[in-house]
Amino acid sequence: MTLAYVGKDFPQLLNEGHFRPAALLVESTGHYNLSADVEWDSTLPPHNGIFELGPNRRVFALSMYHQLHCLNAMRFTYLLIKGGVANVTSERIRAAFHHSDHCFDLLRQGILCNADITLEYSIMGLDPDGQSVPGGFGDGSIHRCSDWTQIRRYVTEHPGKLHV
């Protein structure tokens, strides 16, 4: 079947079945802390993950990169509130909050859609009242993932030619 890449006539997934799975060992790395702007900026490929597909070079965004963009935007909003960003106007703060509203919901839906069923062992922590409660730890868990290095390579090889 040939797709026209017009209207809704395009594949719902990027090359479904083409990317091999990968494993991710979740561990505290010391990277991607709130003030690591360069590391956070490196999560997006050229053109922010906007790329072209089809005979007419239709422009698409990949959900994974939209979600990473949103996580970074929420990080920036947090830094604004915390006072970690210089020369902040009230208009910039309003815009950041508006964007974060969209991003929280996008990430909530993305987490539900991808429903990672990896088991994480529990550790005891304290709730705000000082009561001992169990909580997920995450470190040491191996997650089954799509190989994002292959996806990034593909998106980088099919960049969007956007004129902004």
C-alpha atoms as a PDB file:
ATOM      1  CA  MET A   1       0.000   0.000   0.000  1.00  0.00           C
ATOM      2  CA  THR A   2       1.349   3.417  -0.978  1.00  0.00           C
ATOM      3  CA  LEU A   3       0.695   6.272   1.415  1.00  0.00           C
ATOM      4  CA  ALA A   4       0.084   9.775   0.091  1.00  0.00           C
ATOM      5  CA  TYR A   5       1.272  11.580   3.253  1.00  0.00           C
ATOM      6  CA  VAL A   6      -1.656  13.969   2.788  1.00  0.00           C
ATOM      7  CA  GLY A   7      -4.213  14.661   5.503  1.00  0.00           C
ATOM      8  CA  LYS A   8      -4.354  11.592   7.747  1.00  0.00           C
ATOM      9  CA  ASP A   9      -2.891   9.283   5.078  1.00  0.00           C
ATOM     10  CA  PHE A  10       0.453   8.630   6.746  1.00  0.00           C
ATOM     11  CA  PRO A  11       1.819   5.886   9.041  1.00  0.00           C
ATOM     12  CA  GLN A  12       1.003   6.280  12.725  1.00  0.00           C
ATOM     13  CA  LEU A  13       4.440   5.028  13.811  1.00  0.00           C
ATOM     14  CA  LEU A  14       7.911   5.714  12.481  1.00  0.00           C
ATOM     15  CA  ASN A  15       9.074   2.564  10.648  1.00  0.00           C
ATOM     16  CA  GLU A  16       7.206   0.191  12.977  1.00  0.00           C
ATOM     17  CA  GLY A  17       9.270  -2.936  13.631  1.00  0.00           C
ATOM     18  CA  HIS A  18      12.404  -1.370  12.102  1.00  0.00           C
ATOM     19  CA  PHE A  19      14.143  -0.391  15.330  1.00  0.00           C
ATOM     20  CA  ARG A  20      15.588  -3.139  17.505  1.00  0.00           C
ATOM     21  CA  PRO A  21      14.889  -3.151  21.240  1.00  0.00           C
ATOM     22  CA  ALA A  22      17.422  -2.045  23.820  1.00  0.00           C
ATOM     23  CA  ALA A  23      17.855  -2.401  27.569  1.00  0.00           C
ATOM     24  CA  LEU A  24      18.308   0.530  29.920  1.00  0.00           C
ATOM     25  CA  LEU A  25      19.814   0.048  33.361  1.00  0.00           C
ATOM     26  CA  VAL A  26      18.365   2.861  35.458  1.00  0.00           C
ATOM     27  CA  GLU A  27      20.986   4.286  37.774  1.00  0.00           C
ATOM     28  CA  SER A  28      21.893   7.611  39.331  1.00  0.00           C
ATOM     29  CA  THR A  29      24.527   9.075  37.010  1.00  0.00           C
ATOM     30  CA  GLY A  30      25.029  12.590  38.329  1.00  0.00           C
ATOM     31  CA  HIS A  31      24.091  13.893  34.888  1.00  0.00           C
ATOM     32  CA  TYR A  32      21.055  15.890  33.768  1.00  0.00           C
ATOM     33  CA  ASN A  33      20.678  17.826  36.990  1.00  0.00           C
ATOM     34  CA  LEU A  34      18.427  20.873  36.915  1.00  0.00           C
ATOM     35  CA  SER A  35      21.190  23.322  35.985  1.00  0.00           C
ATOM     36  CA  ALA A  36      22.870  21.161  33.299  1.00  0.00           C
ATOM     37  CA  ASP A  37      21.630  23.195  30.319  1.00  0.00           C
ATOM     38  CA  VAL A  38      24.142  21.740  27.846  1.00  0.00           C
ATOM     39  CA  GLU A  39      23.249  18.148  28.770  1.00  0.00           C
ATOM     40  CA  TRP A  40      19.520  18.847  28.523  1.00  0.00           C
ATOM     41  CA  ASP A  41      19.977  20.584  25.176  1.00  0.00           C
ATOM     42  CA  SER A  42      21.831  17.484  23.914  1.00  0.00           C
ATOM     43  CA  THR A  43      18.707  15.315  24.319  1.00  0.00           C
ATOM     44  CA  LEU A  44      17.267  16.745  21.104  1.00  0.00           C
ATOM     45  CA  PRO A  45      18.758  16.053  17.674  1.00  0.00           C
ATOM     46  CA  PRO A  46      19.261  18.743  15.011  1.00  0.00           C
ATOM     47  CA  HIS A  47      16.039  20.582  14.124  1.00  0.00           C
ATOM     48  CA  ASN A  48      14.625  19.485  17.526  1.00  0.00           C
ATOM     49  CA  GLY A  49      13.552  16.150  16.056  1.00  0.00           C
ATOM     50  CA  ILE A  50      11.463  17.707  13.268  1.00  0.00           C
ATOM     51  CA  PHE A  51      11.949  15.658  10.109  1.00  0.00           C
ATOM     52  CA  GLU A  52      10.475  14.921   6.685  1.00  0.00           C
ATOM     53  CA  LEU A  53       8.870  11.798   5.267  1.00  0.00           C
ATOM     54  CA  GLY A  54       7.049  10.815   2.100  1.00  0.00           C
ATOM     55  CA  PRO A  55       7.220  11.858  -1.540  1.00  0.00           C
ATOM     56  CA  ASN A  56       6.265  15.473  -0.749  1.00  0.00           C
ATOM     57  CA  ARG A  57       8.623  15.671   2.224  1.00  0.00           C
ATOM     58  CA  ARG A  58       5.852  16.181   4.760  1.00  0.00           C
ATOM     59  CA  VAL A  59       7.079  17.491   8.103  1.00  0.00           C
ATOM     60  CA  PHE A  60       6.575  15.451  11.290  1.00  0.00           C
ATOM     61  CA  ALA A  61       7.617  15.581  14.912  1.00  0.00           C
ATOM     62  CA  LEU A  62       8.426  12.430  16.864  1.00  0.00           C
ATOM     63  CA  SER A  63       6.538  12.069  20.140  1.00  0.00           C
ATOM     64  CA  MET A  64       9.675  11.048  22.058  1.00  0.00           C
ATOM     65  CA  TYR A  65      11.364  14.350  21.170  1.00  0.00           C
ATOM     66  CA  HIS A  66       8.223  16.352  21.935  1.00  0.00           C
ATOM     67  CA  GLN A  67       8.187  14.716  25.375  1.00  0.00           C
ATOM     68  CA  LEU A  68      11.886  15.470  25.964  1.00  0.00           C
ATOM     69  CA  HIS A  69      11.300  19.055  24.863  1.00  0.00           C
ATOM     70  CA  CYS A  70       8.441  19.283  27.374  1.00  0.00           C
ATOM     71  CA  LEU A  71      10.496  17.831  30.201  1.00  0.00           C
ATOM     72  CA  ASN A  72      13.200  20.406  29.476  1.00  0.00           C
ATOM     73  CA  ALA A  73      10.594  23.190  29.352  1.00  0.00           C
ATOM     74  CA  MET A  74       9.237  22.125  32.745  1.00  0.00           C
ATOM     75  CA  ARG A  75      12.803  22.090  34.100  1.00  0.00           C
ATOM     76  CA  PHE A  76      13.215  25.657  32.858  1.00  0.00           C
ATOM     77  CA  THR A  77       9.918  26.700  34.501  1.00  0.00           C
ATOM     78  CA  TYR A  78      11.073  25.183  37.776  1.00  0.00           C
ATOM     79  CA  LEU A  79      14.346  27.118  37.531  1.00  0.00           C
ATOM     80  CA  LEU A  80      12.368  30.328  36.864  1.00  0.00           C
ATOM     81  CA  ILE A  81      10.369  29.783  40.035  1.00  0.00           C
ATOM     82  CA  LYS A  82      13.466  28.864  42.015  1.00  0.00           C
ATOM     83  CA  GLY A  83      15.219  32.012  40.801  1.00  0.00           C
ATOM     84  CA  GLY A  84      17.879  30.185  38.801  1.00  0.00           C
ATOM     85  CA  VAL A  85      17.332  32.152  35.567  1.00  0.00           C
ATOM     86  CA  ALA A  86      18.551  35.728  35.087  1.00  0.00           C
ATOM     87  CA  ASN A  87      16.618  38.611  33.468  1.00  0.00           C
ATOM     88  CA  VAL A  88      13.162  37.105  33.845  1.00  0.00           C
ATOM     89  CA  THR A  89      10.106  39.115  32.856  1.00  0.00           C
ATOM     90  CA  SER A  90       6.599  38.407  34.111  1.00  0.00           C
ATOM     91  CA  GLU A  91       5.599  37.722  30.480  1.00  0.00           C
ATOM     92  CA  ARG A  92       8.288  35.036  30.216  1.00  0.00           C
ATOM     93  CA  ILE A  93       7.090  33.439  33.450  1.00  0.00           C
ATOM     94  CA  ARG A  94       3.455  33.418  32.213  1.00  0.00           C
ATOM     95  CA  ALA A  95       4.531  31.852  28.912  1.00  0.00           C
ATOM     96  CA  ALA A  96       6.591  29.203  30.738  1.00  0.00           C
ATOM     97  CA  PHE A  97       3.632  28.297  32.977  1.00  0.00           C
ATOM     98  CA  HIS A  98       1.277  28.094  29.991  1.00  0.00           C
ATOM     99  CA  HIS A  99       3.723  25.782  28.192  1.00  0.00           C
ATOM    100  CA  SER A 100       4.167  23.666  31.336  1.00  0.00           C
ATOM    101  CA  ASP A 101       0.393  23.113  31.585  1.00  0.00           C
ATOM    102  CA  HIS A 102       0.480  21.556  28.110  1.00  0.00           C
ATOM    103  CA  CYS A 103       3.642  19.618  28.915  1.00  0.00           C
ATOM    104  CA  PHE A 104       2.432  18.068  32.170  1.00  0.00           C
ATOM    105  CA  ASP A 105      -0.587  16.635  30.383  1.00  0.00           C
ATOM    106  CA  LEU A 106       1.463  15.481  27.378  1.00  0.00           C
ATOM    107  CA  LEU A 107       3.943  13.659  29.649  1.00  0.00           C
ATOM    108  CA  ARG A 108       1.140  12.140  31.742  1.00  0.00           C
ATOM    109  CA  GLN A 109      -0.422  10.702  28.610  1.00  0.00           C
ATOM    110  CA  GLY A 110       2.962   9.534  27.258  1.00  0.00           C
ATOM    111  CA  ILE A 111       3.731   7.694  30.497  1.00  0.00           C
ATOM    112  CA  LEU A 112       0.324   6.018  30.471  1.00  0.00           C
ATOM    113  CA  CYS A 113       0.661   5.103  26.790  1.00  0.00           C
ATOM    114  CA  ASN A 114       4.080   3.517  27.275  1.00  0.00           C
ATOM    115  CA  ALA A 115       3.058   1.865  30.575  1.00  0.00           C
ATOM    116  CA  ASP A 116       6.497   0.607  31.630  1.00  0.00           C
ATOM    117  CA  ILE A 117       5.823  -2.598  33.606  1.00  0.00           C
ATOM    118  CA  THR A 118       9.386  -3.027  34.887  1.00  0.00           C
ATOM    119  CA  LEU A 119       9.409  -3.982  38.570  1.00  0.00           C
ATOM    120  CA  GLU A 120      11.321  -1.631  40.858  1.00  0.00           C
ATOM    121  CA  TYR A 121      12.262  -2.696  44.354  1.00  0.00           C
ATOM    122  CA  SER A 122      10.891  -0.627  47.181  1.00  0.00           C
ATOM    123  CA  ILE A 123      12.775   1.306  49.852  1.00  0.00           C
ATOM    124  CA  MET A 124      11.440   2.912  52.999  1.00  0.00           C
ATOM    125  CA  GLY A 125      11.236   6.689  53.078  1.00  0.00           C
ATOM    126  CA  LEU A 126       9.515   9.374  55.086  1.00  0.00           C
ATOM    127  CA  ASP A 127       6.326  11.170  54.134  1.00  0.00           C
ATOM    128  CA  PRO A 128       5.877  14.915  54.901  1.00  0.00           C
ATOM    129  CA  ASP A 129       4.595  13.999  58.390  1.00  0.00           C
ATOM    130  CA  GLY A 130       7.710  11.959  59.171  1.00  0.00           C
ATOM    131  CA  GLN A 131       5.911   8.619  58.856  1.00  0.00           C
ATOM    132  CA  SER A 132       7.801   5.689  57.329  1.00  0.00           C
ATOM    133  CA  VAL A 133       6.346   4.720  53.922  1.00  0.00           C
ATOM    134  CA  PRO A 134       7.507   2.413  51.112  1.00  0.00           C
ATOM    135  CA  GLY A 135       8.426   3.978  47.782  1.00  0.00           C
ATOM    136  CA  GLY A 136       9.901   2.934  44.469  1.00  0.00           C
ATOM    137  CA  PHE A 137      13.645   3.398  44.098  1.00  0.00           C
ATOM    138  CA  GLY A 138      14.310   2.737  40.414  1.00  0.00           C
ATOM    139  CA  ASP A 139      18.106   2.353  40.543  1.00  0.00           C
ATOM    140  CA  GLY A 140      19.244  -1.064  39.374  1.00  0.00           C
ATOM    141  CA  SER A 141      16.099  -1.798  37.342  1.00  0.00           C
ATOM    142  CA  ILE A 142      16.591  -2.875  33.742  1.00  0.00           C
ATOM    143  CA  HIS A 143      13.936  -1.518  31.405  1.00  0.00           C
ATOM    144  CA  ARG A 144      13.050  -2.810  27.942  1.00  0.00           C
ATOM    145  CA  CYS A 145      13.086   0.124  25.519  1.00  0.00           C
ATOM    146  CA  SER A 146      13.231   1.092  21.902  1.00  0.00           C
ATOM    147  CA  ASP A 147      16.814   1.814  20.861  1.00  0.00           C
ATOM    148  CA  TRP A 148      16.723   5.617  20.884  1.00  0.00           C
ATOM    149  CA  THR A 149      20.198   5.794  19.291  1.00  0.00           C
ATOM    150  CA  GLN A 150      18.768   4.231  16.113  1.00  0.00           C
ATOM    151  CA  ILE A 151      15.770   6.545  16.219  1.00  0.00           C
ATOM    152  CA  ARG A 152      17.999   9.609  16.612  1.00  0.00           C
ATOM    153  CA  ARG A 153      20.169   8.470  13.705  1.00  0.00           C
ATOM    154  CA  TYR A 154      17.087   8.037  11.505  1.00  0.00           C
ATOM    155  CA  VAL A 155      15.617  11.431  12.421  1.00  0.00           C
ATOM    156  CA  THR A 156      18.993  13.118  11.925  1.00  0.00           C
ATOM    157  CA  GLU A 157      19.285  11.564   8.445  1.00  0.00           C
ATOM    158  CA  HIS A 158      15.803  12.882   7.480  1.00  0.00           C
ATOM    159  CA  PRO A 159      15.882  16.453   8.808  1.00  0.00           C
ATOM    160  CA  GLY A 160      13.089  18.939   8.348  1.00  0.00           C
ATOM    161  CA  LYS A 161      13.867  22.010   6.289  1.00  0.00           C
ATOM    162  CA  LEU A 162      11.849  24.449   8.344  1.00  0.00           C
ATOM    163  CA  HIS A 163      12.057  28.161   7.756  1.00  0.00           C
ATOM    164  CA  VAL A 164      11.206  29.850  11.043  1.00  0.00           C
END
